[in-house]
Amino acid sequence: MKIVIKIGGSLIQPGEEIDLELVSKYAEIIRRLKREGHQLVIVVGGGVIARKYIEAMRKLEAPESICDLLGIKITRLNAYILISAVGDDVYPKVPESLEEAISVFSMGKIVVMGGLQPGQSTNAVAALLAESIRADILVNATTVDGVYTAPPETPGAKKLAQVTTEQLMEIMRSSTEFKAGEYRLFDPLAILIVRRAKLLVKIVDGRNPQNVLKAIKGEKVGTTIIP
């Protein structure tokens, strides 16, 4: 299978420190999938540190595009952390363009990367890569266990086993402001790419990396996005 896994930056760095134990667990899963013959692209988000830097930049009245650039650099640092954990099977450099990522993927190496350009979340990057390589599945590992009808902490919010791209767009619009560093589950661009490419997408609780394996195996876990 051709698989794209998006790992939320808040999993890599939930607080002040990098969660090396969780990174190591993801590295083992990535190596296992490679041994099983799967082709892999991993996209890593920015997380807490990215949002802190972006918040500081906003206080200095930096343009959102510059905040985006800073966030992209941090996603690439997180990608290098994962590259170091995975080892020899992974391409040692973080691709900085879609063309470079596709080229490396065609060589049979595991691709690990972060963001690409301002105005584009790592969720959108993952969707673009999934579209470009004709991925069989895109798994979005995040800090919640799926898509809810409202923010999970909201009283009465219900988890959805399945959601259409239209429903997801409405949920995201009602609960998220789309600024640099604030793209949560998915953003409008990522949703549009999923829709046009008719991608199979699973959103799972990435705090337990085994959920990623369950999604790839077709087990019931998280939320399935229906294009």
Protein backbone atom coordinates (compact mmCIF):
# COMPACT_ATOMS: atom_id res chain seq x y z
CA MET A 1 0.00 0.00 0.00
CA LYS A 2 0.95 3.62 -0.50
CA ILE A 3 0.42 5.31 2.85
CA VAL A 4 0.61 8.92 4.02
CA ILE A 5 0.71 9.50 7.77
CA LYS A 6 0.27 13.00 9.20
CA ILE A 7 1.64 13.23 12.75
CA GLY A 8 0.47 16.26 14.68
CA GLY A 9 3.24 18.43 16.06
CA SER A 10 1.51 18.45 19.45
CA LEU A 11 2.21 14.71 19.64
CA ILE A 12 5.91 15.20 18.99
CA GLN A 13 6.10 18.08 21.45
CA PRO A 14 3.10 18.23 23.79
CA GLY A 15 4.82 20.71 26.11
CA GLU A 16 8.28 22.12 26.67
CA GLU A 17 10.04 18.84 25.87
CA ILE A 18 10.11 16.53 22.86
CA ASP A 19 8.26 13.28 23.66
CA LEU A 20 11.09 10.97 22.61
CA GLU A 21 9.27 7.89 23.88
CA LEU A 22 6.34 8.55 21.55
CA VAL A 23 8.70 9.47 18.70
CA SER A 24 10.46 6.12 19.17
CA LYS A 25 7.13 4.28 19.04
CA TYR A 26 6.25 6.00 15.78
CA ALA A 27 9.69 5.20 14.39
CA GLU A 28 9.16 1.50 15.14
CA ILE A 29 5.74 1.52 13.46
CA ILE A 30 7.22 3.23 10.40
CA ARG A 31 10.01 0.65 10.19
CA ARG A 32 7.47 -2.16 10.60
CA LEU A 33 5.28 -0.84 7.79
CA LYS A 34 8.34 -0.55 5.58
CA ARG A 35 9.31 -4.16 6.34
CA GLU A 36 5.80 -5.23 5.38
CA GLY A 37 6.34 -3.70 1.95
CA HIS A 38 4.36 -0.49 2.28
CA GLN A 39 5.50 2.79 0.70
CA LEU A 40 5.41 5.69 3.14
CA VAL A 41 5.27 9.45 3.35
CA ILE A 42 5.21 11.00 6.83
CA VAL A 43 4.23 14.65 7.32
CA VAL A 44 4.94 16.24 10.71
CA GLY A 45 3.26 19.31 12.18
CA GLY A 46 4.67 22.15 14.26
CA GLY A 47 3.06 21.73 17.67
CA VAL A 48 3.31 23.79 20.83
CA ILE A 49 6.67 25.43 20.13
CA ALA A 50 5.50 26.58 16.69
CA ARG A 51 2.44 28.23 18.21
CA LYS A 52 4.57 29.95 20.86
CA TYR A 53 6.92 31.41 18.26
CA ILE A 54 4.02 32.45 16.07
CA GLU A 55 2.30 34.10 19.03
CA ALA A 56 5.48 36.08 19.73
CA MET A 57 5.69 37.12 16.07
CA ARG A 58 2.09 38.33 16.14
CA LYS A 59 2.84 40.48 19.18
CA LEU A 60 5.57 42.04 17.06
CA GLU A 61 2.90 42.60 14.37
CA ALA A 62 4.58 40.32 11.84
CA PRO A 63 2.48 39.48 8.75
CA GLU A 64 0.69 36.13 8.81
CA SER A 65 2.78 34.98 5.84
CA ILE A 66 5.97 35.46 7.89
CA CYS A 67 4.37 33.64 10.82
CA ASP A 68 3.64 30.80 8.40
CA LEU A 69 7.27 30.69 7.28
CA LEU A 70 8.43 30.42 10.87
CA GLY A 71 5.96 27.62 11.52
CA ILE A 72 7.20 25.76 8.43
CA LYS A 73 10.77 25.86 9.71
CA ILE A 74 9.67 24.34 13.01
CA THR A 75 7.75 21.54 11.28
CA ARG A 76 10.96 20.68 9.43
CA LEU A 77 12.90 20.55 12.70
CA ASN A 78 10.30 18.11 14.03
CA ALA A 79 10.68 16.09 10.84
CA TYR A 80 14.43 15.80 11.44
CA ILE A 81 13.73 14.46 14.94
CA LEU A 82 11.64 11.66 13.43
CA ILE A 83 14.21 11.02 10.68
CA SER A 84 16.86 10.48 13.34
CA ALA A 85 14.61 8.05 15.18
CA VAL A 86 13.68 5.98 12.12
CA GLY A 87 17.22 5.44 10.87
CA ASP A 88 18.57 4.07 7.60
CA ASP A 89 15.30 3.36 5.77
CA VAL A 90 14.38 7.03 5.63
CA TYR A 91 15.65 9.70 3.23
CA PRO A 92 18.06 11.77 5.37
CA LYS A 93 16.93 15.20 4.14
CA VAL A 94 13.56 16.88 4.66
CA PRO A 95 12.07 17.65 1.22
CA GLU A 96 11.22 21.31 0.77
CA SER A 97 8.98 21.03 -2.30
CA LEU A 98 6.27 18.75 -3.59
CA GLU A 99 8.46 17.81 -6.56
CA GLU A 100 11.35 16.82 -4.30
CA ALA A 101 9.10 14.70 -2.09
CA ILE A 102 7.62 12.86 -5.08
CA SER A 103 11.09 12.27 -6.52
CA VAL A 104 12.39 10.81 -3.24
CA PHE A 105 9.27 8.67 -2.86
CA SER A 106 9.81 7.22 -6.34
CA MET A 107 13.27 6.07 -5.21
CA GLY A 108 11.65 3.77 -2.64
CA LYS A 109 12.78 5.70 0.43
CA ILE A 110 10.56 6.71 3.33
CA VAL A 111 9.81 10.43 3.03
CA VAL A 112 9.57 12.50 6.22
CA MET A 113 8.73 16.16 5.80
CA GLY A 114 7.08 19.23 7.29
CA GLY A 115 5.38 22.22 5.73
CA LEU A 116 5.93 23.65 2.26
CA GLN A 117 4.65 27.18 1.79
CA PRO A 118 2.76 29.99 3.58
CA GLY A 119 -1.01 29.68 3.72
CA GLN A 120 -0.82 25.91 3.53
CA SER A 121 -1.11 23.70 6.62
CA THR A 122 0.74 20.43 7.07
CA ASN A 123 -2.70 18.80 6.77
CA ALA A 124 -2.92 20.26 3.26
CA VAL A 125 0.64 19.09 2.54
CA ALA A 126 -0.32 15.56 3.60
CA ALA A 127 -3.40 15.66 1.38
CA LEU A 128 -1.36 16.95 -1.58
CA LEU A 129 1.20 14.19 -1.14
CA ALA A 130 -1.54 11.58 -0.85
CA GLU A 131 -3.08 12.88 -4.07
CA SER A 132 0.27 13.04 -5.87
CA ILE A 133 1.38 9.49 -5.05
CA ARG A 134 -2.16 8.06 -5.36
CA ALA A 135 -2.10 6.93 -1.75
CA ASP A 136 -4.37 4.12 -0.62
CA ILE A 137 -4.94 5.85 2.71
CA LEU A 138 -4.10 9.05 4.59
CA VAL A 139 -4.01 8.65 8.37
CA ASN A 140 -4.13 11.85 10.42
CA ALA A 141 -2.75 11.14 13.90
CA THR A 142 -3.79 13.92 16.25
CA THR A 143 -4.53 14.63 19.92
CA VAL A 144 -8.23 13.76 19.73
CA ASP A 145 -9.85 10.43 18.92
CA GLY A 146 -11.82 11.61 15.90
CA VAL A 147 -14.12 14.31 14.56
CA TYR A 148 -16.82 15.66 16.86
CA THR A 149 -19.92 17.69 16.11
CA ALA A 150 -18.34 20.49 18.17
CA PRO A 151 -15.05 20.89 20.06
CA PRO A 152 -14.75 17.68 22.17
CA GLU A 153 -14.81 19.59 25.45
CA THR A 154 -18.19 21.13 24.53
CA PRO A 155 -21.14 19.62 26.44
CA GLY A 156 -23.20 17.47 24.10
CA ALA A 157 -20.46 17.11 21.47
CA LYS A 158 -20.70 13.74 19.74
CA LYS A 159 -17.96 11.76 18.05
CA LEU A 160 -18.69 10.84 14.44
CA ALA A 161 -17.68 7.46 13.01
CA GLN A 162 -17.95 8.92 9.51
CA VAL A 163 -18.14 12.45 8.17
CA THR A 164 -18.46 13.84 4.65
CA THR A 165 -16.13 16.57 3.43
CA GLU A 166 -19.12 18.94 3.37
CA GLN A 167 -19.96 18.17 7.00
CA LEU A 168 -16.32 18.49 8.04
CA MET A 169 -16.02 21.84 6.29
CA GLU A 170 -19.02 23.15 8.22
CA ILE A 171 -17.68 21.82 11.55
CA MET A 172 -14.27 23.38 10.96
CA ARG A 173 -15.74 26.73 9.92
CA SER A 174 -17.85 26.93 13.05
CA SER A 175 -15.06 26.05 15.49
CA THR A 176 -11.70 27.22 14.12
CA GLU A 177 -10.05 30.44 13.02
CA PHE A 178 -7.61 29.73 10.23
CA LYS A 179 -4.38 31.50 11.09
CA ALA A 180 -0.76 30.36 11.05
CA GLY A 181 -0.22 27.61 13.62
CA GLU A 182 -3.95 27.17 14.23
CA TYR A 183 -4.90 24.53 11.69
CA ARG A 184 -6.25 21.76 13.90
CA LEU A 185 -7.85 18.60 12.50
CA PHE A 186 -8.17 19.85 8.94
CA ASP A 187 -8.44 23.20 7.18
CA PRO A 188 -10.52 24.17 4.11
CA LEU A 189 -7.69 23.63 1.62
CA ALA A 190 -6.94 20.14 2.96
CA ILE A 191 -10.64 19.25 2.82
CA LEU A 192 -10.93 20.45 -0.79
CA ILE A 193 -7.92 18.33 -1.80
CA VAL A 194 -9.41 15.27 -0.08
CA ARG A 195 -12.67 15.86 -1.94
CA ARG A 196 -11.19 16.33 -5.41
CA ALA A 197 -8.75 13.42 -5.03
CA LYS A 198 -11.38 11.16 -3.43
CA LEU A 199 -8.91 10.18 -0.72
CA LEU A 200 -9.58 7.66 2.02
CA VAL A 201 -8.79 9.55 5.23
CA LYS A 202 -8.84 8.34 8.83
CA ILE A 203 -8.49 10.71 11.79
CA VAL A 204 -7.25 8.86 14.87
CA ASP A 205 -5.95 9.47 18.37
CA GLY A 206 -2.20 9.56 17.76
CA ARG A 207 -1.33 9.51 21.44
CA ASN A 208 -1.53 5.75 20.97
CA PRO A 209 0.47 4.99 17.79
CA GLN A 210 -1.21 1.58 17.54
CA ASN A 211 -4.30 3.44 16.34
CA VAL A 212 -2.40 4.30 13.16
CA LEU A 213 -1.81 0.61 12.51
CA LYS A 214 -5.47 -0.17 13.21
CA ALA A 215 -6.56 2.46 10.67
CA ILE A 216 -4.22 1.06 8.02
CA LYS A 217 -5.52 -2.47 8.67
CA GLY A 218 -9.09 -1.29 8.19
CA GLU A 219 -10.16 -1.71 11.81
CA LYS A 220 -12.82 0.53 13.33
CA VAL A 221 -10.97 3.44 14.90
CA GLY A 222 -11.34 7.20 14.88
CA THR A 223 -13.34 8.94 12.16
CA THR A 224 -13.44 8.16 8.44
CA ILE A 225 -13.75 11.12 6.07
CA ILE A 226 -15.98 10.38 3.08
CA PRO A 227 -14.96 12.45 0.02
